């Protein structure tokens, strides 16, 4: 087929006059190398990780929306004191979207690329809020026959992060883990993998409704942070499971500190003798998200054997190496409609994704409220 000469794409620009500009633009079609395929994108999720590039530190409550639905755009002020943190992206027109899926409509000359023509593939790498994208054939995840782009769209960020968490646990010698914001799409995937691989997972949620979501898929250990007995219940779960590794999606506030403190209480309860330095069991929590924008607070009541760090999928993939990465891709592909299935509450076009109604809804990052962009609409 003849490829189009231009495409629509969502771009985000931080201007030097302290204004964020987000709009749907007409962009040039990508040029294919021999090892590339051209994907007609039909599904791309809006993940929390996409919002940082899409809106940056702008004050979206003060945003102005275009009155012309045919050429949607958003302008929002950026607080002066936050400009120094985004100097690297000033006046750059940045395509948005971390992952997506679609149908390969043409390919370069390599055998690998040609073999993907007509197939549904998932991929990552940015710029997925576009009608088309050139992707290296080796970076595509071919989907099983009959799998739709919508089913394949969230094939990378959440599933690969889950497998990265498990890989980190194994590499660092832990046998169980704690996860926050656990009723999320990612959290449900992690619980399913924990059951499949027979390791204990302590889930932290914020409500009874979220607790029910996890128990309905087989979770044994669910602690509600809004409960008066949260800390004792978390400590009891840690005693039972022996979890000494945590992954925190909230980032801000004192939750990371509370997890470490409860890990310490659980470890001390198993020690035969008292030590004024606390337990010698190493406790580690990785912050991988920023759902809570408050300052991270540490109340150092967890001894001296502990660590806090940041965790990101991309560095883990580099550590894992080619062989493990391929196994991760194959596992995601084979389980994309089961263990790694995602559900969406609303499907929108590129234009509708920049409407005030949609933005106000997906900015909430509420559990069970996941948007899917279909650029082909």
Protein backbone atom coordinates (compact mmCIF):
# COMPACT_ATOMS: atom_id res chain seq x y z
CA UNK A 1 0.00 0.00 0.00
CA UNK A 2 1.07 3.62 -0.43
CA UNK A 3 2.11 5.19 2.82
CA UNK A 4 0.62 8.60 3.74
CA UNK A 5 2.88 11.65 3.52
CA UNK A 6 1.94 13.19 6.89
CA UNK A 7 0.40 12.17 10.19
CA UNK A 8 -1.25 13.65 13.26
CA UNK A 9 0.69 13.60 16.49
CA UNK A 10 0.43 14.99 20.04
CA UNK A 11 3.40 17.18 20.95
CA UNK A 12 4.25 18.92 24.22
CA UNK A 13 6.41 22.05 24.30
CA UNK A 14 7.73 23.96 27.30
CA UNK A 15 8.24 27.56 26.26
CA UNK A 16 10.77 29.96 27.71
CA UNK A 17 7.96 32.35 28.70
CA UNK A 18 6.84 29.88 31.39
CA UNK A 19 4.03 28.42 29.32
CA UNK A 20 3.30 24.80 28.44
CA UNK A 21 1.86 24.23 24.97
CA UNK A 22 0.29 20.87 24.09
CA UNK A 23 -1.37 20.34 20.72
CA UNK A 24 -2.17 17.93 17.91
CA UNK A 25 0.06 18.80 14.96
CA UNK A 26 0.67 17.56 11.43
CA UNK A 27 4.06 15.85 11.40
CA UNK A 28 6.21 14.31 8.69
CA UNK A 29 6.00 10.59 8.21
CA UNK A 30 9.01 8.71 9.59
CA UNK A 31 11.68 7.34 7.26
CA UNK A 32 12.17 3.58 7.45
CA UNK A 33 15.55 1.91 7.75
CA UNK A 34 16.01 -1.65 6.53
CA UNK A 35 15.46 -2.97 10.06
CA UNK A 36 12.32 -0.87 10.74
CA UNK A 37 8.61 -1.47 10.42
CA UNK A 38 5.90 1.17 10.00
CA UNK A 39 3.08 0.69 12.51
CA UNK A 40 -0.38 2.19 12.12
CA UNK A 41 -1.10 2.88 15.77
CA UNK A 42 -4.57 1.94 16.95
CA UNK A 43 -4.11 1.93 20.73
CA UNK A 44 -1.88 3.79 23.20
CA UNK A 45 -2.62 3.98 26.95
CA UNK A 46 -2.32 7.07 29.11
CA UNK A 47 -0.09 5.93 31.97
CA UNK A 48 0.94 8.00 35.00
CA UNK A 49 4.45 7.99 33.53
CA UNK A 50 3.11 9.75 30.40
CA UNK A 51 1.74 12.71 32.35
CA UNK A 52 5.19 14.00 33.28
CA UNK A 53 6.12 14.60 29.64
CA UNK A 54 2.62 15.57 28.55
CA UNK A 55 2.04 18.28 31.17
CA UNK A 56 5.34 18.60 33.04
CA UNK A 57 5.14 20.88 36.09
CA UNK A 58 2.45 23.11 34.56
CA UNK A 59 -0.48 24.34 36.64
CA UNK A 60 -3.19 22.42 34.81
CA UNK A 61 -5.91 23.86 37.03
CA UNK A 62 -5.23 27.18 35.30
CA UNK A 63 -4.94 25.73 31.78
CA UNK A 64 -6.67 27.29 28.77
CA UNK A 65 -8.21 24.95 26.19
CA UNK A 66 -8.67 25.65 22.48
CA UNK A 67 -12.26 26.41 21.53
CA UNK A 68 -11.77 24.76 18.12
CA UNK A 69 -12.16 20.97 18.47
CA UNK A 70 -10.58 20.43 15.04
CA UNK A 71 -7.24 21.90 16.19
CA UNK A 72 -7.07 21.11 19.90
CA UNK A 73 -4.43 22.72 22.06
CA UNK A 74 -3.75 23.42 25.71
CA UNK A 75 -1.81 26.32 27.21
CA UNK A 76 -0.94 26.25 30.89
CA UNK A 77 1.31 28.41 33.09
CA UNK A 78 4.43 26.94 34.67
CA UNK A 79 5.37 28.26 38.14
CA UNK A 80 8.61 30.24 37.90
CA UNK A 81 10.38 28.27 40.63
CA UNK A 82 9.90 25.02 38.68
CA UNK A 83 11.44 26.21 35.40
CA UNK A 84 14.99 25.35 36.45
CA UNK A 85 14.05 21.69 36.67
CA UNK A 86 13.00 21.50 33.00
CA UNK A 87 15.69 23.54 31.28
CA UNK A 88 16.59 20.58 29.09
CA UNK A 89 13.21 20.55 27.34
CA UNK A 90 12.62 24.28 26.81
CA UNK A 91 11.42 25.04 23.25
CA UNK A 92 11.62 21.38 22.23
CA UNK A 93 8.56 19.92 20.48
CA UNK A 94 8.36 16.54 22.20
CA UNK A 95 6.14 13.71 20.90
CA UNK A 96 4.22 12.07 23.75
CA UNK A 97 3.29 8.47 24.58
CA UNK A 98 5.48 5.73 26.05
CA UNK A 99 3.91 2.62 24.54
CA UNK A 100 1.26 1.42 22.15
CA UNK A 101 0.16 -1.16 19.63
CA UNK A 102 -1.01 -1.35 16.06
CA UNK A 103 -0.70 -3.10 12.73
CA UNK A 104 2.50 -3.23 10.69
CA UNK A 105 1.62 -1.79 7.28
CA UNK A 106 5.08 -1.73 5.66
CA UNK A 107 8.64 -2.66 6.48
CA UNK A 108 12.27 -2.23 5.56
CA UNK A 109 14.17 -4.82 3.60
CA UNK A 110 15.48 -6.96 6.46
CA UNK A 111 14.00 -10.43 6.87
CA UNK A 112 12.92 -9.69 10.46
CA UNK A 113 11.08 -6.55 9.42
CA UNK A 114 9.38 -8.14 6.41
CA UNK A 115 8.11 -11.01 8.57
CA UNK A 116 6.03 -8.59 10.66
CA UNK A 117 3.95 -7.09 7.82
CA UNK A 118 0.25 -7.41 8.63
CA UNK A 119 0.83 -8.46 12.24
CA UNK A 120 -0.36 -6.79 15.44
CA UNK A 121 2.64 -5.66 17.47
CA UNK A 122 3.18 -3.86 20.74
CA UNK A 123 6.14 -1.55 21.30
CA UNK A 124 7.59 1.25 23.41
CA UNK A 125 10.06 4.04 22.81
CA UNK A 126 8.00 7.24 22.81
CA UNK A 127 5.82 9.13 20.35
CA UNK A 128 2.92 6.68 20.48
CA UNK A 129 0.23 9.36 20.55
CA UNK A 130 0.64 9.46 16.78
CA UNK A 131 -1.11 7.92 13.83
CA UNK A 132 2.07 6.11 12.69
CA UNK A 133 5.47 5.23 14.07
CA UNK A 134 8.64 3.64 12.74
CA UNK A 135 9.86 0.96 15.12
CA UNK A 136 12.93 -1.28 14.99
CA UNK A 137 11.66 -4.79 14.23
CA UNK A 138 13.64 -6.25 17.13
CA UNK A 139 11.89 -3.86 19.54
CA UNK A 140 8.40 -5.02 18.58
CA UNK A 141 6.48 -7.61 20.57
CA UNK A 142 4.50 -9.68 18.03
CA UNK A 143 1.14 -10.65 19.45
CA UNK A 144 -0.64 -14.02 19.17
CA UNK A 145 -3.08 -14.42 16.31
CA UNK A 146 -6.43 -12.84 17.10
CA UNK A 147 -5.09 -10.37 19.67
CA UNK A 148 -6.34 -6.83 19.05
CA UNK A 149 -4.26 -3.63 19.29
CA UNK A 150 -6.39 -2.56 22.28
CA UNK A 151 -5.51 -5.78 24.10
CA UNK A 152 -1.84 -5.28 23.20
CA UNK A 153 -1.48 -1.57 23.99
CA UNK A 154 -0.23 -1.87 27.57
CA UNK A 155 2.36 -4.51 26.70
CA UNK A 156 5.45 -2.78 27.98
CA UNK A 157 5.33 -0.29 30.85
CA UNK A 158 3.28 -2.28 33.37
CA UNK A 159 4.05 -5.92 32.42
CA UNK A 160 7.79 -5.37 31.98
CA UNK A 161 7.93 -3.37 35.22
CA UNK A 162 6.26 -6.25 37.05
CA UNK A 163 8.78 -8.72 35.66
CA UNK A 164 11.55 -6.26 36.50
CA UNK A 165 10.38 -6.14 40.12
CA UNK A 166 10.49 -9.93 40.29
CA UNK A 167 13.91 -9.97 38.64
CA UNK A 168 15.20 -7.42 41.15
CA UNK A 169 13.86 -9.50 44.03
CA UNK A 170 15.66 -12.58 42.75
CA UNK A 171 18.92 -10.75 41.98
CA UNK A 172 19.10 -9.15 45.42
CA UNK A 173 18.31 -12.32 47.33
CA UNK A 174 14.86 -11.39 48.70
CA UNK A 175 12.07 -13.95 48.88
CA UNK A 176 8.97 -11.73 49.19
CA UNK A 177 8.05 -8.12 48.55
CA UNK A 178 5.76 -5.23 49.45
CA UNK A 179 3.94 -3.13 46.84
CA UNK A 180 1.99 0.12 47.27
CA UNK A 181 -0.91 1.46 45.18
CA UNK A 182 -1.43 -2.25 44.79
CA UNK A 183 -4.92 -2.24 43.28
CA UNK A 184 -3.65 -0.47 40.18
CA UNK A 185 -3.46 -2.17 36.82
CA UNK A 186 0.22 -2.88 37.49
CA UNK A 187 -0.51 -4.06 41.01
CA UNK A 188 -3.06 -6.59 39.84
CA UNK A 189 -0.56 -7.96 37.31
CA UNK A 190 2.06 -8.27 40.05
CA UNK A 191 -0.34 -10.20 42.29
CA UNK A 192 -1.11 -12.63 39.47
CA UNK A 193 2.61 -13.20 38.85
CA UNK A 194 3.18 -13.73 42.58
CA UNK A 195 0.58 -16.51 42.52
CA UNK A 196 2.09 -18.05 39.37
CA UNK A 197 5.63 -17.98 40.80
CA UNK A 198 4.64 -18.87 44.39
CA UNK A 199 6.17 -15.95 46.25
CA UNK A 200 4.49 -13.86 48.94
CA UNK A 201 3.35 -10.35 48.10
CA UNK A 202 2.18 -7.82 50.68
CA UNK A 203 -0.22 -5.38 49.01
CA UNK A 204 -0.85 -1.89 50.40
CA UNK A 205 -4.08 -0.15 49.32
CA UNK A 206 -6.14 2.86 50.47
CA UNK A 207 -9.71 1.58 50.62
CA UNK A 208 -11.95 -1.43 51.22
CA UNK A 209 -12.95 -1.40 47.54
CA UNK A 210 -9.31 -1.72 46.50
CA UNK A 211 -8.78 -4.47 49.04
CA UNK A 212 -11.68 -6.41 47.51
CA UNK A 213 -10.21 -6.06 44.01
CA UNK A 214 -7.03 -7.83 45.10
CA UNK A 215 -8.68 -10.48 47.24
CA UNK A 216 -10.91 -11.37 44.29
CA UNK A 217 -7.85 -12.30 42.24
CA UNK A 218 -6.34 -14.39 45.03
CA UNK A 219 -4.32 -11.98 47.21
CA UNK A 220 -3.60 -13.25 50.73
CA UNK A 221 -1.88 -10.23 52.25
CA UNK A 222 -3.68 -6.89 51.78
CA UNK A 223 -3.16 -3.97 54.17
CA UNK A 224 -5.37 -0.89 54.07
CA UNK A 225 -3.41 2.29 54.84
CA UNK A 226 -6.64 4.08 55.85
CA UNK A 227 -7.25 1.57 58.66
CA UNK A 228 -6.47 2.46 62.28
CA UNK A 229 -4.63 -0.85 62.55
CA UNK A 230 -2.59 -0.39 59.36
CA UNK A 231 0.88 -0.46 60.91
CA UNK A 232 0.28 -3.47 63.21
CA UNK A 233 -1.37 -5.35 60.34
CA UNK A 234 1.50 -4.51 58.00
CA UNK A 235 4.03 -5.66 60.59
CA UNK A 236 2.14 -8.93 61.06
CA UNK A 237 2.12 -9.54 57.30
CA UNK A 238 5.85 -8.89 57.17
CA UNK A 239 6.51 -11.31 60.02
CA UNK A 240 4.53 -13.98 58.17
CA UNK A 241 6.04 -13.40 54.74
CA UNK A 242 9.56 -12.29 55.65
CA UNK A 243 9.36 -9.56 53.00
CA UNK A 244 12.42 -7.28 53.08
CA UNK A 245 11.95 -5.57 49.71
CA UNK A 246 9.40 -2.92 48.82
CA UNK A 247 8.34 -0.99 45.71
CA UNK A 248 6.57 2.29 46.40
CA UNK A 249 4.51 3.99 43.69
CA UNK A 250 3.51 6.94 45.89
CA UNK A 251 6.95 8.40 46.56
CA UNK A 252 5.89 11.29 48.77
CA UNK A 253 4.80 11.36 52.40
CA UNK A 254 5.89 8.81 54.98
CA UNK A 255 4.76 5.52 53.45
CA UNK A 256 8.28 4.44 52.47
CA UNK A 257 9.40 5.22 56.02
CA UNK A 258 6.49 3.28 57.51
CA UNK A 259 7.30 0.24 55.38
CA UNK A 260 10.92 0.23 56.54
CA UNK A 261 9.85 0.71 60.17
CA UNK A 262 7.46 -2.24 59.98
CA UNK A 263 10.12 -4.36 58.29
CA UNK A 264 12.44 -3.51 61.17
CA UNK A 265 9.82 -4.47 63.79
CA UNK A 266 9.24 -7.74 61.99
CA UNK A 267 12.97 -8.49 61.84
CA UNK A 268 13.61 -7.53 65.48
CA UNK A 269 10.79 -9.79 66.59
CA UNK A 270 12.77 -12.71 65.19
CA UNK A 271 16.09 -11.73 66.84
CA UNK A 272 17.16 -13.65 69.91
CA UNK A 273 19.18 -10.80 71.41
CA UNK A 274 18.70 -7.02 71.67
CA UNK A 275 20.97 -4.69 69.70
CA UNK A 276 20.89 -0.93 70.08
CA UNK A 277 21.70 -0.72 66.34
CA UNK A 278 18.62 -2.69 65.39
CA UNK A 279 18.35 -5.79 63.26
CA UNK A 280 21.15 -6.77 60.90
CA UNK A 281 18.59 -7.83 58.27
CA UNK A 282 18.89 -5.48 55.29
CA UNK A 283 15.64 -3.78 54.31
CA UNK A 284 15.27 -2.11 50.91
CA UNK A 285 12.52 0.08 49.44
CA UNK A 286 12.59 1.42 45.89
CA UNK A 287 10.51 4.43 44.92
CA UNK A 288 9.34 4.05 41.33
CA UNK A 289 6.47 6.55 41.10
CA UNK A 290 5.23 9.91 42.30
CA UNK A 291 1.52 9.56 43.00
CA UNK A 292 2.04 11.57 46.20
CA UNK A 293 3.67 14.91 45.31
CA UNK A 294 4.54 15.75 48.91
CA UNK A 295 8.09 15.65 50.25
CA UNK A 296 9.33 12.16 51.10
CA UNK A 297 9.55 11.99 54.91
CA UNK A 298 11.78 9.59 56.79
CA UNK A 299 11.32 8.87 60.49
CA UNK A 300 14.46 6.83 61.10
CA UNK A 301 13.10 4.17 63.38
CA UNK A 302 14.33 1.24 61.33
CA UNK A 303 17.84 0.53 62.56
CA UNK A 304 20.94 0.87 60.39
CA UNK A 305 20.58 -1.93 57.85
CA UNK A 306 18.38 -0.31 55.22
CA UNK A 307 18.37 1.34 51.83
CA UNK A 308 16.14 3.61 49.78
CA UNK A 309 16.61 4.09 46.06
CA UNK A 310 14.89 4.92 42.83
CA UNK A 311 13.82 2.21 40.39
CA UNK A 312 13.19 2.65 36.67
CA UNK A 313 12.51 0.00 34.05
CA UNK A 314 15.03 1.20 31.46
CA UNK A 315 18.15 0.78 33.66
CA UNK A 316 16.87 -2.62 34.78
CA UNK A 317 16.58 -3.78 31.17
CA UNK A 318 20.19 -2.75 30.59
CA UNK A 319 21.24 -4.79 33.62
CA UNK A 320 19.12 -7.77 32.65
CA UNK A 321 20.70 -8.22 29.24
CA UNK A 322 19.44 -9.51 25.91
CA UNK A 323 18.55 -13.06 26.93
CA UNK A 324 16.43 -12.09 29.95
CA UNK A 325 14.78 -9.27 28.00
CA UNK A 326 13.73 -11.68 25.26
CA UNK A 327 12.23 -14.04 27.83
CA UNK A 328 10.33 -11.13 29.37
CA UNK A 329 8.94 -10.13 25.95
CA UNK A 330 7.87 -13.69 25.17
CA UNK A 331 6.14 -14.05 28.52
CA UNK A 332 4.25 -10.79 28.07
CA UNK A 333 3.14 -11.77 24.56
CA UNK A 334 1.90 -15.21 25.61
CA UNK A 335 -0.05 -13.80 28.58
CA UNK A 336 -1.25 -10.45 27.21
CA UNK A 337 -4.94 -11.43 27.53
CA UNK A 338 -4.58 -13.18 30.92
CA UNK A 339 -1.89 -12.29 33.47
CA UNK A 340 -0.99 -9.04 31.73
CA UNK A 341 -4.45 -8.05 30.54
CA UNK A 342 -5.44 -4.38 30.88
CA UNK A 343 -8.89 -2.83 30.94
CA UNK A 344 -9.87 0.71 29.98
CA UNK A 345 -12.77 2.88 31.02
CA UNK A 346 -12.70 5.14 27.98
CA UNK A 347 -11.28 5.18 24.45
CA UNK A 348 -10.61 8.59 22.92
CA UNK A 349 -9.17 10.05 19.73
CA UNK A 350 -6.06 12.25 19.66
CA UNK A 351 -8.36 15.27 19.55
CA UNK A 352 -10.58 14.15 22.42
CA UNK A 353 -7.54 13.33 24.57
CA UNK A 354 -6.80 17.07 24.81
CA UNK A 355 -10.33 18.09 25.79
CA UNK A 356 -10.77 19.56 29.26
CA UNK A 357 -13.26 16.85 30.20
CA UNK A 358 -10.80 14.06 29.39
CA UNK A 359 -7.76 15.78 30.90
CA UNK A 360 -9.54 16.46 34.18
CA UNK A 361 -10.50 12.80 34.40
CA UNK A 362 -7.25 11.04 33.56
CA UNK A 363 -5.16 13.48 35.61
CA UNK A 364 -6.81 12.04 38.73
CA UNK A 365 -4.91 8.78 38.17
CA UNK A 366 -7.76 7.01 39.92
CA UNK A 367 -7.69 3.24 40.34
CA UNK A 368 -9.73 1.60 37.58
CA UNK A 369 -9.90 4.78 35.48
CA UNK A 370 -7.53 4.11 32.60
CA UNK A 371 -7.78 5.92 29.25
CA UNK A 372 -6.84 4.48 25.87
CA UNK A 373 -5.99 6.75 22.92
CA UNK A 374 -6.89 5.41 19.48
CA UNK A 375 -5.07 7.65 16.96
CA UNK A 376 -6.93 6.00 14.08
CA UNK A 377 -10.28 7.45 15.22
